[in-house]
Amino acid sequence: MRFRVRKTAHVFERLGLAMAGAACGLFVGAYVGSAIPALTTQGFLLLMMLLGVVGFYLGIDTPQLPFDDAHSHIDAAELLSSAGTLCATLTALVSVAVIVLRLEPHAALHWLVLVGWIGGVAMQIIAGAKARMRKV
C-alpha cells in the first residue's frame, strides 16, 4: 500500500513539474512570438509549451548515480539537468519580466531568450533520457 502511495505522489510531483514547464513555455512563447512576427502562431506557442512539459517532466527529477559510482565520476545527467533547468527558468523569468513590465528590449534579447529556452529544455530532455538509460 505504501509503495502505491509513494508512486502516486511521485507521478503527481512530475505532473506538477510538467505543468510548470508548460507555463514557462507559454511565457517564453508569448514573449518571443510577439517580438518576432514570423513566430506569432498558436503552433509556436504549443511547441514551446510541449518542450517545457517534456523538459521539466524528464529533466528535473533525474535518477542519481548509485552511491559507489557517484564518487568516481561526474554525473553528466545531473550536471545537464541542473544547467538546463537554470537556463530554461531564467529565460522564462526574463520573458515574464519583459511582458509584465512592458519593456522594449533590443531585438537580440528575443533571439537570446528563444535559444536559451530551446537549449535549456534540450539539456533537460537529454539529461532525463541519459539518466533513465543507465544500468541500475
C-alpha atoms as a PDB file:
ATOM      1  CA  MET A   1       0.000   0.000   0.000  1.00  0.00           C
ATOM      2  CA  ARG A   2       2.741   2.425   0.954  1.00  0.00           C
ATOM      3  CA  PHE A   3       4.523   1.729  -2.378  1.00  0.00           C
ATOM      4  CA  ARG A   4       1.411   2.740  -4.367  1.00  0.00           C
ATOM      5  CA  VAL A   5       1.048   5.943  -2.356  1.00  0.00           C
ATOM      6  CA  ARG A   6       4.707   6.853  -2.952  1.00  0.00           C
ATOM      7  CA  LYS A   7       4.376   6.030  -6.654  1.00  0.00           C
ATOM      8  CA  THR A   8       1.212   8.150  -6.930  1.00  0.00           C
ATOM      9  CA  ALA A   9       2.866  11.047  -5.083  1.00  0.00           C
ATOM     10  CA  HIS A  10       5.828  10.836  -7.458  1.00  0.00           C
ATOM     11  CA  VAL A  11       3.534  10.940 -10.500  1.00  0.00           C
ATOM     12  CA  PHE A  12       1.699  13.966  -9.044  1.00  0.00           C
ATOM     13  CA  GLU A  13       5.017  15.710  -8.445  1.00  0.00           C
ATOM     14  CA  ARG A  14       6.189  15.081 -12.002  1.00  0.00           C
ATOM     15  CA  LEU A  15       2.854  16.221 -13.437  1.00  0.00           C
ATOM     16  CA  GLY A  16       3.220  19.422 -11.417  1.00  0.00           C
ATOM     17  CA  LEU A  17       6.709  19.915 -12.821  1.00  0.00           C
ATOM     18  CA  ALA A  18       5.374  19.304 -16.325  1.00  0.00           C
ATOM     19  CA  MET A  19       2.688  21.947 -15.797  1.00  0.00           C
ATOM     20  CA  ALA A  20       5.324  24.395 -14.530  1.00  0.00           C
ATOM     21  CA  GLY A  21       7.293  23.684 -17.705  1.00  0.00           C
ATOM     22  CA  ALA A  22       4.200  24.326 -19.801  1.00  0.00           C
ATOM     23  CA  ALA A  23       3.644  27.647 -18.031  1.00  0.00           C
ATOM     24  CA  CYS A  24       7.269  28.657 -18.581  1.00  0.00           C
ATOM     25  CA  GLY A  25       6.988  27.657 -22.238  1.00  0.00           C
ATOM     26  CA  LEU A  26       3.806  29.697 -22.577  1.00  0.00           C
ATOM     27  CA  PHE A  27       5.548  32.823 -21.266  1.00  0.00           C
ATOM     28  CA  VAL A  28       8.571  32.301 -23.492  1.00  0.00           C
ATOM     29  CA  GLY A  29       6.320  31.645 -26.492  1.00  0.00           C
ATOM     30  CA  ALA A  30       4.171  34.701 -25.771  1.00  0.00           C
ATOM     31  CA  TYR A  31       7.178  36.988 -25.446  1.00  0.00           C
ATOM     32  CA  VAL A  32       9.204  35.645 -28.370  1.00  0.00           C
ATOM     33  CA  GLY A  33       6.123  35.178 -30.543  1.00  0.00           C
ATOM     34  CA  SER A  34       5.013  38.764 -30.009  1.00  0.00           C
ATOM     35  CA  ALA A  35       8.509  40.089 -30.701  1.00  0.00           C
ATOM     36  CA  ILE A  36       9.277  38.040 -33.826  1.00  0.00           C
ATOM     37  CA  PRO A  37       6.364  38.295 -36.290  1.00  0.00           C
ATOM     38  CA  ALA A  38       7.132  35.006 -38.079  1.00  0.00           C
ATOM     39  CA  LEU A  39       6.614  33.150 -34.781  1.00  0.00           C
ATOM     40  CA  THR A  40       3.248  34.674 -33.924  1.00  0.00           C
ATOM     41  CA  THR A  41       1.259  31.461 -34.257  1.00  0.00           C
ATOM     42  CA  GLN A  42      -0.643  29.138 -31.971  1.00  0.00           C
ATOM     43  CA  GLY A  43       1.536  26.293 -33.199  1.00  0.00           C
ATOM     44  CA  PHE A  44       4.645  28.074 -31.935  1.00  0.00           C
ATOM     45  CA  LEU A  45       3.025  28.605 -28.518  1.00  0.00           C
ATOM     46  CA  LEU A  46       2.042  24.951 -28.343  1.00  0.00           C
ATOM     47  CA  LEU A  47       5.549  23.855 -29.366  1.00  0.00           C
ATOM     48  CA  MET A  48       7.139  25.978 -26.627  1.00  0.00           C
ATOM     49  CA  MET A  49       4.692  24.572 -24.085  1.00  0.00           C
ATOM     50  CA  LEU A  50       5.287  20.997 -25.247  1.00  0.00           C
ATOM     51  CA  LEU A  51       9.052  21.444 -24.977  1.00  0.00           C
ATOM     52  CA  GLY A  52       8.539  22.749 -21.446  1.00  0.00           C
ATOM     53  CA  VAL A  53       6.320  19.813 -20.490  1.00  0.00           C
ATOM     54  CA  VAL A  54       8.773  17.202 -21.756  1.00  0.00           C
ATOM     55  CA  GLY A  55      11.868  19.001 -20.452  1.00  0.00           C
ATOM     56  CA  PHE A  56      10.547  19.643 -16.960  1.00  0.00           C
ATOM     57  CA  TYR A  57       8.933  16.191 -16.687  1.00  0.00           C
ATOM     58  CA  LEU A  58      12.067  14.293 -17.720  1.00  0.00           C
ATOM     59  CA  GLY A  59      14.868  16.593 -16.701  1.00  0.00           C
ATOM     60  CA  ILE A  60      14.199  17.922 -13.234  1.00  0.00           C
ATOM     61  CA  ASP A  61      13.759  14.673 -11.317  1.00  0.00           C
ATOM     62  CA  THR A  62      16.533  12.516 -12.761  1.00  0.00           C
ATOM     63  CA  PRO A  63      17.603   9.290 -11.056  1.00  0.00           C
ATOM     64  CA  GLN A  64      21.009   9.754  -9.408  1.00  0.00           C
ATOM     65  CA  LEU A  65      24.072   7.596  -9.877  1.00  0.00           C
ATOM     66  CA  PRO A  66      24.478   4.778  -7.354  1.00  0.00           C
ATOM     67  CA  PHE A  67      26.497   5.879  -4.319  1.00  0.00           C
ATOM     68  CA  ASP A  68      29.619   3.908  -5.305  1.00  0.00           C
ATOM     69  CA  ASP A  69      29.734   5.449  -8.797  1.00  0.00           C
ATOM     70  CA  ALA A  70      28.998   8.981  -7.600  1.00  0.00           C
ATOM     71  CA  HIS A  71      32.469   9.481  -6.117  1.00  0.00           C
ATOM     72  CA  SER A  72      34.449   8.259  -9.097  1.00  0.00           C
ATOM     73  CA  HIS A  73      32.638  10.018 -11.980  1.00  0.00           C
ATOM     74  CA  ILE A  74      30.989  13.296 -12.776  1.00  0.00           C
ATOM     75  CA  ASP A  75      27.273  12.709 -13.174  1.00  0.00           C
ATOM     76  CA  ALA A  76      26.739  14.225 -16.629  1.00  0.00           C
ATOM     77  CA  ALA A  77      22.974  13.784 -16.393  1.00  0.00           C
ATOM     78  CA  GLU A  78      22.806  15.691 -13.116  1.00  0.00           C
ATOM     79  CA  LEU A  79      25.014  18.472 -14.483  1.00  0.00           C
ATOM     80  CA  LEU A  80      22.973  18.753 -17.702  1.00  0.00           C
ATOM     81  CA  SER A  81      19.717  18.692 -15.743  1.00  0.00           C
ATOM     82  CA  SER A  82      20.750  21.482 -13.413  1.00  0.00           C
ATOM     83  CA  ALA A  83      22.226  23.650 -16.175  1.00  0.00           C
ATOM     84  CA  GLY A  84      19.175  23.102 -18.364  1.00  0.00           C
ATOM     85  CA  THR A  85      16.769  23.921 -15.555  1.00  0.00           C
ATOM     86  CA  LEU A  86      18.675  27.106 -14.746  1.00  0.00           C
ATOM     87  CA  CYS A  87      18.764  28.162 -18.392  1.00  0.00           C
ATOM     88  CA  ALA A  88      15.101  27.385 -19.073  1.00  0.00           C
ATOM     89  CA  THR A  89      13.758  29.043 -15.941  1.00  0.00           C
ATOM     90  CA  LEU A  90      15.991  32.082 -16.396  1.00  0.00           C
ATOM     91  CA  THR A  91      14.654  32.638 -19.908  1.00  0.00           C
ATOM     92  CA  ALA A  92      11.096  32.183 -18.621  1.00  0.00           C
ATOM     93  CA  LEU A  93      11.768  34.757 -15.886  1.00  0.00           C
ATOM     94  CA  VAL A  94      13.150  37.224 -18.430  1.00  0.00           C
ATOM     95  CA  SER A  95      10.086  36.649 -20.618  1.00  0.00           C
ATOM     96  CA  VAL A  96       7.693  37.313 -17.741  1.00  0.00           C
ATOM     97  CA  ALA A  97       9.616  40.440 -16.736  1.00  0.00           C
ATOM     98  CA  VAL A  98       9.511  41.826 -20.286  1.00  0.00           C
ATOM     99  CA  ILE A  99       5.776  41.111 -20.589  1.00  0.00           C
ATOM    100  CA  VAL A 100       4.728  42.384 -17.157  1.00  0.00           C
ATOM    101  CA  LEU A 101       6.980  45.453 -17.092  1.00  0.00           C
ATOM    102  CA  ARG A 102       6.154  46.228 -20.759  1.00  0.00           C
ATOM    103  CA  LEU A 103       9.801  46.643 -21.638  1.00  0.00           C
ATOM    104  CA  GLU A 104      11.097  47.239 -25.150  1.00  0.00           C
ATOM    105  CA  PRO A 105      14.357  45.250 -25.191  1.00  0.00           C
ATOM    106  CA  HIS A 106      16.825  45.037 -28.031  1.00  0.00           C
ATOM    107  CA  ALA A 107      15.964  42.514 -30.761  1.00  0.00           C
ATOM    108  CA  ALA A 108      18.970  40.405 -29.789  1.00  0.00           C
ATOM    109  CA  LEU A 109      17.244  39.565 -26.489  1.00  0.00           C
ATOM    110  CA  HIS A 110      14.331  37.962 -28.355  1.00  0.00           C
ATOM    111  CA  TRP A 111      16.670  35.520 -30.054  1.00  0.00           C
ATOM    112  CA  LEU A 112      18.746  35.004 -26.904  1.00  0.00           C
ATOM    113  CA  VAL A 113      15.612  34.029 -24.970  1.00  0.00           C
ATOM    114  CA  LEU A 114      14.492  31.667 -27.733  1.00  0.00           C
ATOM    115  CA  VAL A 115      17.890  29.976 -27.990  1.00  0.00           C
ATOM    116  CA  GLY A 116      18.232  29.886 -24.192  1.00  0.00           C
ATOM    117  CA  TRP A 117      14.825  28.242 -23.796  1.00  0.00           C
ATOM    118  CA  ILE A 118      15.382  25.642 -26.502  1.00  0.00           C
ATOM    119  CA  GLY A 119      18.893  24.928 -25.222  1.00  0.00           C
ATOM    120  CA  GLY A 120      17.713  24.640 -21.623  1.00  0.00           C
ATOM    121  CA  VAL A 121      14.864  22.244 -22.286  1.00  0.00           C
ATOM    122  CA  ALA A 122      17.043  20.251 -24.705  1.00  0.00           C
ATOM    123  CA  MET A 123      19.591  19.797 -21.903  1.00  0.00           C
ATOM    124  CA  GLN A 124      16.803  18.684 -19.558  1.00  0.00           C
ATOM    125  CA  ILE A 125      15.431  16.177 -22.071  1.00  0.00           C
ATOM    126  CA  ILE A 126      18.882  14.743 -22.810  1.00  0.00           C
ATOM    127  CA  ALA A 127      19.706  14.542 -19.095  1.00  0.00           C
ATOM    128  CA  GLY A 128      16.441  12.780 -18.302  1.00  0.00           C
ATOM    129  CA  ALA A 129      16.898  10.289 -21.125  1.00  0.00           C
ATOM    130  CA  LYS A 130      20.528   9.657 -20.190  1.00  0.00           C
ATOM    131  CA  ALA A 131      19.712   9.103 -16.509  1.00  0.00           C
ATOM    132  CA  ARG A 132      16.898   6.690 -17.318  1.00  0.00           C
ATOM    133  CA  MET A 133      19.051   4.609 -19.697  1.00  0.00           C
ATOM    134  CA  ARG A 134      21.645   3.832 -17.012  1.00  0.00           C
ATOM    135  CA  LYS A 135      22.121   0.317 -15.812  1.00  0.00           C
ATOM    136  CA  VAL A 136      20.979   0.109 -12.209  1.00  0.00           C
END
